N, C-alpha and C. Protein backbone atom coordinates (compact mmCIF):
# COMPACT_ATOMS: atom_id res chain seq x y z
N MET A 1 35.62 62.91 -119.03
CA MET A 1 36.80 63.75 -118.93
C MET A 1 37.25 63.78 -117.47
N GLY A 2 38.55 63.61 -117.23
CA GLY A 2 39.09 63.60 -115.89
C GLY A 2 39.28 65.00 -115.32
N VAL A 3 39.43 65.05 -114.02
CA VAL A 3 39.69 66.31 -113.33
C VAL A 3 41.17 66.64 -113.46
N THR A 4 41.48 67.89 -113.77
CA THR A 4 42.87 68.31 -113.94
C THR A 4 43.36 69.06 -112.71
N TYR A 5 44.32 68.46 -112.02
CA TYR A 5 45.01 69.11 -110.91
C TYR A 5 46.43 69.43 -111.37
N VAL A 6 46.88 70.64 -111.11
CA VAL A 6 48.19 71.10 -111.54
C VAL A 6 49.06 71.36 -110.31
N PRO A 7 50.27 70.79 -110.25
CA PRO A 7 51.16 71.10 -109.12
C PRO A 7 51.66 72.55 -109.22
N VAL A 8 51.63 73.26 -108.09
CA VAL A 8 52.06 74.67 -108.08
C VAL A 8 53.21 74.93 -107.12
N ALA A 9 53.45 74.03 -106.19
CA ALA A 9 54.53 74.19 -105.21
C ALA A 9 54.66 72.89 -104.42
N ARG A 10 55.69 72.84 -103.60
CA ARG A 10 55.87 71.70 -102.71
C ARG A 10 55.47 72.11 -101.29
N VAL A 11 54.97 71.16 -100.53
CA VAL A 11 54.60 71.40 -99.15
C VAL A 11 55.82 71.96 -98.41
N GLY A 12 55.62 73.02 -97.66
CA GLY A 12 56.71 73.64 -96.91
C GLY A 12 57.51 74.66 -97.69
N GLU A 13 57.22 74.79 -98.99
CA GLU A 13 57.97 75.72 -99.83
C GLU A 13 57.64 77.18 -99.49
N ILE A 14 56.42 77.44 -99.08
CA ILE A 14 56.09 78.81 -98.67
C ILE A 14 55.89 78.85 -97.17
N LYS A 15 56.27 79.96 -96.58
CA LYS A 15 56.24 80.13 -95.13
C LYS A 15 54.83 80.45 -94.65
N PRO A 16 54.56 80.22 -93.36
CA PRO A 16 53.25 80.56 -92.81
C PRO A 16 52.89 82.03 -93.06
N GLY A 17 51.68 82.23 -93.58
CA GLY A 17 51.18 83.57 -93.86
C GLY A 17 51.67 84.16 -95.17
N GLU A 18 52.52 83.41 -95.89
CA GLU A 18 53.09 83.92 -97.14
C GLU A 18 52.07 83.87 -98.27
N VAL A 19 52.21 84.81 -99.19
CA VAL A 19 51.38 84.89 -100.39
C VAL A 19 52.33 84.81 -101.58
N LYS A 20 52.16 83.79 -102.43
CA LYS A 20 53.07 83.56 -103.56
C LYS A 20 52.29 83.68 -104.88
N PRO A 21 52.71 84.59 -105.75
CA PRO A 21 52.07 84.69 -107.07
C PRO A 21 52.37 83.45 -107.91
N ILE A 22 51.34 82.96 -108.59
CA ILE A 22 51.50 81.83 -109.51
C ILE A 22 50.67 82.11 -110.76
N GLU A 23 50.90 81.34 -111.80
CA GLU A 23 50.09 81.47 -113.02
C GLU A 23 49.41 80.14 -113.28
N LEU A 24 48.12 80.20 -113.55
CA LEU A 24 47.34 78.99 -113.82
C LEU A 24 46.51 79.20 -115.08
N GLY A 25 46.80 78.44 -116.08
CA GLY A 25 46.03 78.53 -117.31
C GLY A 25 46.00 79.92 -117.91
N GLY A 26 47.14 80.62 -117.83
CA GLY A 26 47.22 81.97 -118.40
C GLY A 26 46.61 83.05 -117.52
N ARG A 27 46.25 82.71 -116.30
CA ARG A 27 45.63 83.68 -115.39
C ARG A 27 46.48 83.81 -114.14
N GLU A 28 46.62 85.03 -113.62
CA GLU A 28 47.40 85.25 -112.41
C GLU A 28 46.59 84.87 -111.17
N ALA A 29 47.25 84.18 -110.26
CA ALA A 29 46.60 83.73 -109.03
C ALA A 29 47.59 83.87 -107.87
N LEU A 30 47.11 83.54 -106.69
CA LEU A 30 47.95 83.55 -105.49
C LEU A 30 47.84 82.22 -104.78
N LEU A 31 48.97 81.70 -104.34
CA LEU A 31 49.01 80.55 -103.44
C LEU A 31 49.26 81.13 -102.06
N VAL A 32 48.39 80.76 -101.11
CA VAL A 32 48.44 81.34 -99.77
C VAL A 32 48.55 80.21 -98.75
N GLU A 33 49.42 80.39 -97.76
CA GLU A 33 49.51 79.47 -96.64
C GLU A 33 48.96 80.18 -95.41
N ASN A 34 48.10 79.49 -94.67
CA ASN A 34 47.58 80.06 -93.44
C ASN A 34 47.20 78.92 -92.50
N GLY A 35 47.85 78.89 -91.35
CA GLY A 35 47.55 77.88 -90.34
C GLY A 35 47.78 76.45 -90.81
N GLY A 36 48.77 76.24 -91.68
CA GLY A 36 49.06 74.90 -92.17
C GLY A 36 48.20 74.48 -93.35
N ASN A 37 47.29 75.34 -93.77
CA ASN A 37 46.44 75.06 -94.92
C ASN A 37 46.89 75.89 -96.11
N TYR A 38 46.64 75.37 -97.30
CA TYR A 38 46.99 76.06 -98.53
C TYR A 38 45.72 76.44 -99.29
N TYR A 39 45.74 77.62 -99.88
CA TYR A 39 44.60 78.14 -100.63
C TYR A 39 45.12 78.75 -101.93
N VAL A 40 44.27 78.74 -102.95
CA VAL A 40 44.59 79.42 -104.20
C VAL A 40 43.41 80.31 -104.55
N CYS A 41 43.72 81.57 -104.86
CA CYS A 41 42.67 82.53 -105.21
C CYS A 41 43.13 83.42 -106.35
N ASP A 42 42.18 84.11 -106.94
CA ASP A 42 42.47 85.09 -107.97
C ASP A 42 43.41 86.14 -107.37
N ARG A 43 44.31 86.66 -108.17
CA ARG A 43 45.28 87.63 -107.66
C ARG A 43 44.69 89.03 -107.47
N LEU A 44 43.61 89.33 -108.19
CA LEU A 44 43.03 90.67 -108.13
C LEU A 44 41.76 90.70 -107.29
N CYS A 45 41.64 91.72 -106.48
CA CYS A 45 40.44 91.93 -105.67
C CYS A 45 39.26 92.18 -106.61
N PRO A 46 38.13 91.50 -106.40
CA PRO A 46 36.98 91.69 -107.28
C PRO A 46 36.30 93.06 -107.10
N HIS A 47 36.67 93.80 -106.07
CA HIS A 47 36.07 95.11 -105.83
C HIS A 47 36.57 96.14 -106.83
N GLU A 48 37.91 96.34 -106.90
CA GLU A 48 38.46 97.34 -107.82
C GLU A 48 39.72 96.87 -108.53
N GLY A 49 39.97 95.56 -108.52
CA GLY A 49 41.10 95.03 -109.26
C GLY A 49 42.46 95.27 -108.64
N VAL A 50 42.52 95.56 -107.35
CA VAL A 50 43.79 95.78 -106.66
C VAL A 50 44.50 94.44 -106.47
N ASP A 51 45.81 94.42 -106.61
CA ASP A 51 46.61 93.22 -106.45
C ASP A 51 46.58 92.77 -104.99
N LEU A 52 46.07 91.58 -104.74
CA LEU A 52 45.97 91.06 -103.37
C LEU A 52 47.30 90.53 -102.84
N ARG A 53 48.34 90.57 -103.64
CA ARG A 53 49.65 90.14 -103.16
C ARG A 53 50.08 90.99 -101.97
N THR A 54 49.62 92.21 -101.92
CA THR A 54 49.95 93.09 -100.80
C THR A 54 48.95 92.98 -99.66
N GLY A 55 48.01 92.05 -99.78
CA GLY A 55 46.99 91.88 -98.75
C GLY A 55 47.54 91.23 -97.50
N VAL A 56 46.76 91.30 -96.44
CA VAL A 56 47.12 90.70 -95.16
C VAL A 56 46.33 89.41 -94.99
N VAL A 57 47.02 88.33 -94.62
CA VAL A 57 46.40 87.03 -94.42
C VAL A 57 46.31 86.76 -92.93
N GLU A 58 45.07 86.45 -92.47
CA GLU A 58 44.87 86.09 -91.07
C GLU A 58 43.54 85.36 -90.94
N GLN A 59 43.53 84.36 -90.09
CA GLN A 59 42.32 83.59 -89.79
C GLN A 59 41.61 83.11 -91.05
N ALA A 60 42.38 82.51 -91.98
CA ALA A 60 41.86 81.95 -93.24
C ALA A 60 41.12 82.99 -94.08
N GLN A 61 41.55 84.24 -93.97
CA GLN A 61 41.00 85.32 -94.79
C GLN A 61 42.16 86.14 -95.36
N ILE A 62 41.88 86.81 -96.48
CA ILE A 62 42.83 87.77 -97.03
C ILE A 62 42.13 89.12 -97.08
N ARG A 63 42.84 90.15 -96.62
CA ARG A 63 42.29 91.51 -96.59
C ARG A 63 42.99 92.35 -97.63
N CYS A 64 42.20 92.97 -98.50
CA CYS A 64 42.74 93.86 -99.53
C CYS A 64 43.35 95.09 -98.85
N ALA A 65 44.56 95.42 -99.24
CA ALA A 65 45.27 96.56 -98.64
C ALA A 65 44.66 97.90 -99.06
N ASN A 66 43.86 97.92 -100.11
CA ASN A 66 43.33 99.18 -100.61
C ASN A 66 42.09 99.65 -99.84
N HIS A 67 41.05 98.84 -99.78
CA HIS A 67 39.82 99.27 -99.12
C HIS A 67 39.40 98.40 -97.93
N GLY A 68 40.21 97.41 -97.59
CA GLY A 68 39.92 96.60 -96.41
C GLY A 68 38.93 95.47 -96.63
N TYR A 69 38.53 95.22 -97.87
CA TYR A 69 37.62 94.10 -98.12
C TYR A 69 38.31 92.82 -97.66
N ARG A 70 37.55 91.92 -97.00
CA ARG A 70 38.08 90.64 -96.52
C ARG A 70 37.37 89.52 -97.25
N PHE A 71 38.14 88.49 -97.57
CA PHE A 71 37.59 87.35 -98.29
C PHE A 71 37.98 86.06 -97.61
N ASP A 72 37.01 85.16 -97.45
CA ASP A 72 37.25 83.83 -96.91
C ASP A 72 38.06 83.06 -97.96
N LEU A 73 39.23 82.56 -97.58
CA LEU A 73 40.10 81.88 -98.54
C LEU A 73 39.57 80.51 -98.95
N ALA A 74 38.68 79.91 -98.18
CA ALA A 74 38.11 78.61 -98.54
C ALA A 74 36.93 78.74 -99.49
N THR A 75 36.11 79.78 -99.30
CA THR A 75 34.88 79.90 -100.09
C THR A 75 34.90 81.07 -101.07
N GLY A 76 35.74 82.07 -100.81
CA GLY A 76 35.76 83.27 -101.62
C GLY A 76 34.76 84.33 -101.20
N ALA A 77 33.91 84.00 -100.24
CA ALA A 77 32.88 84.94 -99.79
C ALA A 77 33.50 86.20 -99.21
N CYS A 78 32.91 87.34 -99.55
CA CYS A 78 33.35 88.61 -98.98
C CYS A 78 32.75 88.71 -97.58
N THR A 79 33.60 88.85 -96.58
CA THR A 79 33.12 88.89 -95.20
C THR A 79 33.08 90.30 -94.63
N MET A 80 33.69 91.27 -95.31
CA MET A 80 33.67 92.65 -94.85
C MET A 80 33.94 93.57 -96.02
N PRO A 81 33.02 94.40 -96.43
CA PRO A 81 31.65 94.45 -95.91
C PRO A 81 30.86 93.24 -96.39
N PRO A 82 29.93 92.77 -95.59
CA PRO A 82 29.13 91.60 -95.99
C PRO A 82 28.41 91.85 -97.32
N GLY A 83 28.40 90.82 -98.13
CA GLY A 83 27.66 90.90 -99.39
C GLY A 83 28.43 91.51 -100.53
N GLY A 84 29.70 91.84 -100.34
CA GLY A 84 30.50 92.38 -101.44
C GLY A 84 30.76 91.29 -102.47
N PRO A 85 31.37 91.65 -103.59
CA PRO A 85 31.62 90.65 -104.63
C PRO A 85 32.57 89.56 -104.12
N PRO A 86 32.33 88.29 -104.48
CA PRO A 86 33.19 87.20 -104.01
C PRO A 86 34.51 87.14 -104.76
N LEU A 87 35.48 86.55 -104.13
CA LEU A 87 36.80 86.30 -104.70
C LEU A 87 36.78 84.88 -105.29
N THR A 88 37.35 84.71 -106.48
CA THR A 88 37.42 83.38 -107.07
C THR A 88 38.49 82.58 -106.35
N VAL A 89 38.10 81.40 -105.86
CA VAL A 89 39.04 80.47 -105.22
C VAL A 89 38.98 79.13 -105.96
N LEU A 90 40.07 78.40 -105.90
CA LEU A 90 40.14 77.10 -106.56
C LEU A 90 40.45 76.01 -105.53
N PRO A 91 39.92 74.81 -105.75
CA PRO A 91 40.21 73.70 -104.83
C PRO A 91 41.69 73.33 -104.84
N VAL A 92 42.20 73.04 -103.65
CA VAL A 92 43.61 72.65 -103.47
C VAL A 92 43.63 71.25 -102.88
N GLU A 93 44.54 70.45 -103.36
CA GLU A 93 44.71 69.09 -102.85
C GLU A 93 46.20 68.83 -102.68
N ILE A 94 46.55 68.21 -101.56
CA ILE A 94 47.94 67.82 -101.33
C ILE A 94 48.10 66.40 -101.86
N ARG A 95 49.04 66.22 -102.76
CA ARG A 95 49.32 64.90 -103.34
C ARG A 95 50.78 64.58 -103.07
N GLY A 96 51.00 63.74 -102.08
CA GLY A 96 52.37 63.46 -101.66
C GLY A 96 52.96 64.72 -101.05
N GLU A 97 54.01 65.24 -101.68
CA GLU A 97 54.65 66.48 -101.21
C GLU A 97 54.29 67.68 -102.09
N GLU A 98 53.37 67.48 -103.04
CA GLU A 98 53.02 68.57 -103.95
C GLU A 98 51.68 69.21 -103.60
N ILE A 99 51.64 70.53 -103.71
CA ILE A 99 50.39 71.28 -103.56
C ILE A 99 49.82 71.39 -104.96
N CYS A 100 48.64 70.83 -105.17
CA CYS A 100 48.03 70.80 -106.49
C CYS A 100 46.71 71.59 -106.48
N VAL A 101 46.42 72.21 -107.61
CA VAL A 101 45.24 73.04 -107.73
C VAL A 101 44.36 72.51 -108.86
N LYS A 102 43.06 72.46 -108.60
CA LYS A 102 42.10 72.02 -109.62
C LYS A 102 41.79 73.22 -110.51
N LEU A 103 42.04 73.07 -111.80
CA LEU A 103 41.78 74.17 -112.74
C LEU A 103 40.29 74.27 -113.02
N GLU A 104 39.71 75.40 -112.65
CA GLU A 104 38.28 75.62 -112.85
C GLU A 104 37.99 77.00 -113.40
N TRP A 105 38.93 77.71 -113.96
CA TRP A 105 38.67 79.06 -114.45
C TRP A 105 37.67 78.97 -115.57
């Protein structure tokens, strides 16, 4: 069985630091741009289910606006407080001018 990558946007379509809601396989997610890199993560904070669309993106992390939990956008690891529940992240690949996401839900 082959790997399924789904196009979600075009390169340059979202501005630096922007968070764009997308839907992948019936699940809500976020496409995030930070420092020229693109990331895709679950839309809800794993701590209390708060929508991360209102979160702050900086230094390849997203901070939940509700309780300040920070998550590494590449790995999903909770960096503050350490050891908190991880955020689900999906692999992103640039194919030509398209930002594609590997479906792994």
